Every structure is written in C-alpha cells, then in structure tokens.
Amino acid sequence: MALTDRAAFLALHRPGDPLLLPNAWDAGSARILAALGFAALATTSSGFAATLGRADGAVTRDEALAHAAVLAAAVDVPVSADLENGFGDSPDDVARTVADARGTGVAGCSIEDHTGRDDDPIYDRTLAVERIAAAAEASGDVVLTARAENHLHGRDDLADTIARLQAYQEAGADVLYAPGLRDAGQVATLCREVDRPVNVLLVPGGPDPAALAEAGVARISVGGAFAWNALSGLIDAARELQAGSTAFLDRTAPARELMPRAFQR
C-alpha cells in the first residue's frame, strides 16, 4: 500500500535537492522503479493510455482512478496520480475526481489547466483558480499539484504562468508545476516567485537534473518518457527480428536480473 501521509510525501520535496519522481505506466514498471530505489513514483496519462492502445487524453475518469489504485497497491512508496484536468470543466467535476482519488491509496495527484480543446487550450484564469480551490478543498491528506499548461500549448508567457501558479498557490495547491519550460533561467525565476515546491518536467534540450537543482527545483518528473523508451525498445527489437537478427536477446539481461527482486511480494 502506498504511503498517504501528506507530511511524509511533502518532506521529499526539497528545493535544491529535488525528488526524482519517475512516471510508471503499469504495476510492473512501478515495481521495477521502486526496486531501483526511487522514493516516490507518479503515473503518466500518456503512458497509461498507450497500454490501452490510445492517445493521451483518451482515458476516462474511471479508468484513470482504477489505474491509480493499481499502482498505489503495487508499491510501498508514495504514488502521485496524473488526473489530467480532473475530467471535467467545472470546479465540482474536479472536486469529485480529487475526492474519489483519495480512496485509491495515492499520496498525491495533479490537476492541470488544459481544457482539452485545441481552439481554446487553457482555462480562463478565474475559472482555473476556482478549479484548483475546489480540488484543494477536496484533497484531504492527498498532496495536490497544480499544473499551468501554457508552455505545452504554444503560450510561452512566463509572466502569465507565474501569475497562474501564484494564484493556484493561494487557492491551496501544495506543489506547483509548469511543464514545457526549457530554460534554466526561467525555471529559477519561477522558483523565486512562488512559495511552494516546484516540479519540472525533463524535456529534450532542457536543463538536466543538476541545473534544475541549482535553479531551486524541488521535484523532477519525466512524463511519458520512460514509457516511450520502453516502447522504443520494443520497436527496435521487433525491427531486428524482422531483419533476421537476434541482437535483441542480448539486451534482456537488466530486466531478467531485476525482475525477480522487483516482483517478489
């Protein structure tokens, strides 16, 4: 059972010495990551959707909650659930999702301000703040991460991102997150302008963990990148087989060595 103590999970968020929070996509990957010594894990909406043969954003609310429960039960470290935008536009929708997440055994959850609509991708700030306030009220002992999605949707406005995260902080968020930031200077500015732990997503060409630590980041996650690495390995192995090669057999040793320990309960 995953730990659900708010103080214990929050204590892992240390500015300058960030928590490495890898994103698992199923129970097996969660157990492997826990066996490797990670102190906490997160789910990934895109990685989980891929296990169902779907694109990111095509998972239902009930599926996401059931998935969170499976991962929380699979490991003995805290798990934070990616709950996308709360699976509804209204504050009441978000509050219901977060309240139900409390029953899954997760230690944390995240709510984003992405609408899911290409023509209007980010919620109006007033509504976005109301949604986070409703999530915070419903969160109980679950650590709430509020996400400002500007930089994933073509809105590279750092001032607006900071203003949103400051408002989400005041609305009750425990951790703040602006995925898509690629500049260490911008990350450092964000960390200085808020009073909550900041999570940063590792992105190609962006700052590495050491640079993010120097910028004051308290948590680092990978999103779907580990799932994509696993799927890329599958694609490479399949193409080798199609070409008549068995080179992929030589790359199974790390999993064969770790899985007996990771899967022993």
Protein backbone atom coordinates (compact mmCIF):
# COMPACT_ATOMS: atom_id res chain seq x y z
CA MET A 1 0.00 0.00 0.00
CA ALA A 2 1.38 3.40 -0.92
CA LEU A 3 2.08 5.91 1.80
CA THR A 4 -0.60 8.58 2.13
CA ASP A 5 0.86 10.77 4.85
CA ARG A 6 0.90 14.33 3.50
CA ALA A 7 3.83 15.48 5.62
CA ALA A 8 5.99 12.47 4.71
CA PHE A 9 5.43 12.90 0.98
CA LEU A 10 5.88 16.67 1.08
CA ALA A 11 9.11 16.22 3.04
CA LEU A 12 10.61 14.54 -0.04
CA HIS A 13 10.24 17.84 -1.94
CA ARG A 14 13.47 19.70 -1.23
CA PRO A 15 14.36 22.84 -3.21
CA GLY A 16 17.91 22.43 -4.44
CA ASP A 17 17.87 18.68 -3.74
CA PRO A 18 14.93 17.62 -5.86
CA LEU A 19 12.91 14.46 -5.57
CA LEU A 20 13.33 12.35 -8.69
CA LEU A 21 9.77 11.27 -9.47
CA PRO A 22 9.73 8.78 -12.37
CA ASN A 23 6.43 8.08 -14.10
CA ALA A 24 5.30 4.44 -14.23
CA TRP A 25 2.68 3.19 -16.66
CA ASP A 26 1.68 -0.15 -15.14
CA ALA A 27 2.21 -2.23 -12.00
CA GLY A 28 5.30 -3.93 -13.41
CA SER A 29 7.08 -0.71 -14.29
CA ALA A 30 6.10 0.73 -10.89
CA ARG A 31 7.63 -2.22 -9.04
CA ILE A 32 10.81 -2.07 -11.12
CA LEU A 33 11.23 1.65 -10.39
CA ALA A 34 10.58 1.12 -6.69
CA ALA A 35 13.11 -1.73 -6.64
CA LEU A 36 15.67 0.62 -8.18
CA GLY A 37 15.34 2.81 -5.11
CA PHE A 38 13.14 5.73 -6.16
CA ALA A 39 11.49 7.25 -3.10
CA ALA A 40 8.18 8.00 -4.86
CA LEU A 41 6.50 7.48 -8.22
CA ALA A 42 3.90 9.14 -10.41
CA THR A 43 1.53 7.82 -13.02
CA THR A 44 1.62 9.08 -16.60
CA SER A 45 -1.56 9.75 -18.53
CA SER A 46 0.13 9.26 -21.90
CA GLY A 47 1.99 6.12 -20.84
CA PHE A 48 -1.16 4.58 -19.37
CA ALA A 49 -3.17 5.49 -22.47
CA ALA A 50 -0.56 3.72 -24.59
CA THR A 51 -1.12 0.49 -22.66
CA LEU A 52 -4.74 0.69 -23.84
CA GLY A 53 -3.75 1.46 -27.42
CA ARG A 54 -4.96 5.03 -27.14
CA ALA A 55 -3.55 8.53 -27.48
CA ASP A 56 -3.02 10.79 -24.47
CA GLY A 57 -6.29 12.34 -23.32
CA ALA A 58 -8.40 9.34 -24.36
CA VAL A 59 -8.59 7.71 -20.92
CA THR A 60 -11.80 8.03 -18.92
CA ARG A 61 -12.07 9.28 -15.38
CA ASP A 62 -12.96 5.84 -14.02
CA GLU A 63 -10.08 4.23 -15.90
CA ALA A 64 -7.59 6.75 -14.56
CA LEU A 65 -8.77 6.27 -10.97
CA ALA A 66 -8.66 2.48 -11.27
CA HIS A 67 -5.16 2.72 -12.76
CA ALA A 68 -4.02 4.92 -9.87
CA ALA A 69 -5.35 2.37 -7.40
CA VAL A 70 -3.46 -0.46 -9.14
CA LEU A 71 -0.14 1.42 -8.98
CA ALA A 72 -0.67 2.57 -5.39
CA ALA A 73 -1.32 -1.03 -4.34
CA ALA A 74 1.69 -2.33 -6.29
CA VAL A 75 4.41 -0.48 -4.36
CA ASP A 76 5.34 0.65 -0.87
CA VAL A 77 6.35 4.19 -1.84
CA PRO A 78 4.11 7.22 -2.38
CA VAL A 79 2.37 7.45 -5.75
CA SER A 80 1.08 10.69 -7.28
CA ALA A 81 -1.72 10.31 -9.83
CA ASP A 82 -1.88 12.27 -13.08
CA LEU A 83 -5.57 13.22 -13.15
CA GLU A 84 -5.26 15.40 -16.28
CA ASN A 85 -7.74 18.28 -16.00
CA GLY A 86 -9.91 16.49 -13.45
CA PHE A 87 -12.10 15.05 -16.21
CA GLY A 88 -14.50 17.96 -16.31
CA ASP A 89 -14.62 21.70 -16.76
CA SER A 90 -16.44 22.74 -13.60
CA PRO A 91 -14.94 23.07 -10.11
CA ASP A 92 -17.48 20.49 -8.94
CA ASP A 93 -16.22 17.99 -11.52
CA VAL A 94 -12.65 18.49 -10.35
CA ALA A 95 -13.58 18.23 -6.67
CA ARG A 96 -15.40 14.94 -7.29
CA THR A 97 -12.40 13.48 -9.11
CA VAL A 98 -9.93 14.50 -6.40
CA ALA A 99 -12.23 13.28 -3.63
CA ASP A 100 -12.52 9.91 -5.34
CA ALA A 101 -8.74 9.78 -5.83
CA ARG A 102 -8.35 9.86 -2.05
CA GLY A 103 -9.91 6.39 -1.96
CA THR A 104 -7.34 4.89 -4.34
CA GLY A 105 -4.42 4.96 -1.90
CA VAL A 106 -2.39 7.59 -3.75
CA ALA A 107 -0.31 10.09 -1.81
CA GLY A 108 -0.74 12.89 -4.34
CA CYS A 109 -2.49 13.97 -7.50
CA SER A 110 -2.16 16.66 -10.14
CA ILE A 111 -4.75 18.86 -11.84
CA GLU A 112 -3.93 20.85 -14.98
CA ASP A 113 -5.48 23.96 -16.51
CA HIS A 114 -5.62 22.48 -20.03
CA THR A 115 -9.15 22.39 -21.40
CA GLY A 116 -8.54 19.61 -23.91
CA ARG A 117 -9.79 21.87 -26.71
CA ASP A 118 -7.39 22.85 -29.49
CA ASP A 119 -9.21 26.11 -30.22
CA ASP A 120 -9.08 27.28 -26.58
CA PRO A 121 -6.49 25.13 -24.77
CA ILE A 122 -6.14 26.95 -21.42
CA TYR A 123 -8.92 27.72 -18.97
CA ASP A 124 -9.66 31.35 -18.18
CA ARG A 125 -7.59 32.21 -15.12
CA THR A 126 -10.56 32.91 -12.87
CA LEU A 127 -12.13 29.53 -13.63
CA ALA A 128 -8.74 27.82 -13.40
CA VAL A 129 -8.23 29.19 -9.88
CA GLU A 130 -11.73 28.13 -8.85
CA ARG A 131 -10.98 24.63 -10.08
CA ILE A 132 -7.78 24.41 -8.01
CA ALA A 133 -9.56 25.80 -4.95
CA ALA A 134 -12.21 23.09 -5.31
CA ALA A 135 -9.50 20.44 -5.72
CA ALA A 136 -7.68 21.70 -2.63
CA GLU A 137 -10.84 21.61 -0.54
CA ALA A 138 -11.46 18.01 -1.62
CA SER A 139 -7.87 16.81 -1.34
CA GLY A 140 -7.76 15.97 2.36
CA ASP A 141 -4.46 14.18 3.08
CA VAL A 142 -3.54 13.95 -0.62
CA VAL A 143 -0.79 16.31 -1.83
CA LEU A 144 -2.23 18.49 -4.61
CA THR A 145 -0.06 19.56 -7.54
CA ALA A 146 -1.43 22.40 -9.68
CA ARG A 147 -0.23 22.49 -13.28
CA ALA A 148 -0.02 25.55 -15.56
CA GLU A 149 -0.02 24.13 -19.09
CA ASN A 150 0.82 27.28 -21.08
CA HIS A 151 4.17 26.09 -22.38
CA LEU A 152 2.81 22.82 -23.75
CA HIS A 153 0.21 24.64 -25.82
CA GLY A 154 2.01 27.46 -27.57
CA ARG A 155 1.61 30.08 -24.84
CA ASP A 156 5.20 30.87 -23.90
CA ASP A 157 4.21 33.63 -21.49
CA LEU A 158 6.29 33.20 -18.34
CA ALA A 159 4.61 36.13 -16.59
CA ASP A 160 1.18 34.57 -17.05
CA THR A 161 2.49 31.17 -15.97
CA ILE A 162 3.93 32.66 -12.78
CA ALA A 163 0.74 34.62 -12.07
CA ARG A 164 -1.32 31.48 -12.52
CA LEU A 165 0.87 29.40 -10.24
CA GLN A 166 0.89 32.14 -7.61
CA ALA A 167 -2.91 32.13 -7.74
CA TYR A 168 -3.02 28.33 -7.53
CA GLN A 169 -0.73 28.53 -4.52
CA GLU A 170 -3.13 30.92 -2.81
CA ALA A 171 -6.01 28.61 -3.75
CA GLY A 172 -4.41 25.78 -1.77
CA ALA A 173 -2.06 23.86 -4.05
CA ASP A 174 0.82 22.09 -2.29
CA VAL A 175 3.15 21.74 -5.31
CA LEU A 176 3.37 23.86 -8.48
CA TYR A 177 4.19 22.60 -11.97
CA ALA A 178 4.69 24.29 -15.36
CA PRO A 179 5.56 21.52 -17.82
CA GLY A 180 7.33 22.60 -21.00
CA LEU A 181 9.77 25.12 -19.54
CA ARG A 182 13.13 24.65 -21.29
CA ASP A 183 15.28 27.48 -19.94
CA ALA A 184 17.06 27.17 -16.60
CA GLY A 185 16.86 30.93 -16.06
CA GLN A 186 13.10 30.87 -16.46
CA VAL A 187 12.85 27.93 -14.07
CA ALA A 188 14.94 29.81 -11.49
CA THR A 189 12.72 32.87 -11.86
CA LEU A 190 9.62 30.75 -11.32
CA CYS A 191 11.11 29.13 -8.21
CA ARG A 192 11.91 32.57 -6.74
CA GLU A 193 8.41 33.91 -7.39
CA VAL A 194 6.41 31.20 -5.60
CA ASP A 195 6.35 29.81 -2.09
CA ARG A 196 5.60 26.17 -2.83
CA PRO A 197 7.80 23.32 -4.11
CA VAL A 198 8.19 23.43 -7.89
CA ASN A 199 8.10 20.36 -10.13
CA VAL A 200 9.79 20.48 -13.54
CA LEU A 201 9.38 18.06 -16.45
CA LEU A 202 12.59 16.91 -18.11
CA VAL A 203 12.42 17.77 -21.82
CA PRO A 204 14.80 17.24 -24.76
CA GLY A 205 17.27 20.09 -24.89
CA GLY A 206 16.19 21.41 -21.50
CA PRO A 207 18.12 21.66 -18.24
CA ASP A 208 19.45 18.45 -16.71
CA PRO A 209 18.77 17.47 -13.07
CA ALA A 210 21.89 19.24 -11.78
CA ALA A 211 20.91 22.52 -13.45
CA LEU A 212 17.36 22.21 -12.16
CA ALA A 213 18.63 21.61 -8.64
CA GLU A 214 20.73 24.76 -8.89
CA ALA A 215 17.63 26.64 -10.05
CA GLY A 216 15.80 25.65 -6.86
CA VAL A 217 13.54 22.92 -8.19
CA ALA A 218 12.08 20.55 -5.59
CA ARG A 219 10.81 17.74 -7.82
CA ILE A 220 11.69 16.38 -11.26
CA SER A 221 9.47 14.11 -13.35
CA VAL A 222 9.75 12.50 -16.78
CA GLY A 223 6.16 12.33 -18.01
CA GLY A 224 5.75 9.63 -20.63
CA ALA A 225 9.47 9.47 -21.48
CA PHE A 226 10.16 6.18 -19.68
CA ALA A 227 7.14 4.59 -21.35
CA TRP A 228 8.35 5.86 -24.74
CA ASN A 229 11.80 4.43 -24.03
CA ALA A 230 10.26 1.05 -23.31
CA LEU A 231 8.14 1.18 -26.46
CA SER A 232 11.13 2.33 -28.49
CA GLY A 233 12.99 -0.73 -27.23
CA LEU A 234 10.07 -2.87 -28.38
CA ILE A 235 10.14 -1.26 -31.83
CA ASP A 236 13.90 -1.74 -32.14
CA ALA A 237 13.66 -5.40 -31.11
CA ALA A 238 10.77 -6.06 -33.49
CA ARG A 239 12.62 -4.50 -36.40
CA GLU A 240 15.68 -6.58 -35.62
CA LEU A 241 13.57 -9.74 -35.66
CA GLN A 242 12.02 -8.70 -38.97
CA ALA A 243 15.54 -8.27 -40.34
CA GLY A 244 16.55 -11.73 -39.13
CA SER A 245 18.65 -10.55 -36.19
CA THR A 246 18.57 -11.86 -32.62
CA ALA A 247 20.57 -8.96 -31.17
CA PHE A 248 17.57 -8.00 -29.02
CA LEU A 249 18.09 -11.14 -26.92
CA ASP A 250 21.36 -9.73 -25.61
CA ARG A 251 19.60 -6.68 -24.15
CA THR A 252 17.28 -8.57 -21.82
CA ALA A 253 19.81 -9.04 -19.01
CA PRO A 254 18.93 -5.95 -16.90
CA ALA A 255 15.26 -6.92 -16.74
CA ARG A 256 15.98 -10.58 -16.13
CA GLU A 257 18.27 -9.66 -13.24
CA LEU A 258 15.99 -7.13 -11.56
CA MET A 259 12.52 -8.60 -12.11
CA PRO A 260 12.77 -11.45 -9.57
CA ARG A 261 13.51 -8.94 -6.82
CA ALA A 262 11.08 -6.30 -8.09
CA PHE A 263 8.18 -8.71 -8.44
CA GLN A 264 8.67 -10.54 -5.15
CA ARG A 265 5.97 -9.52 -2.66
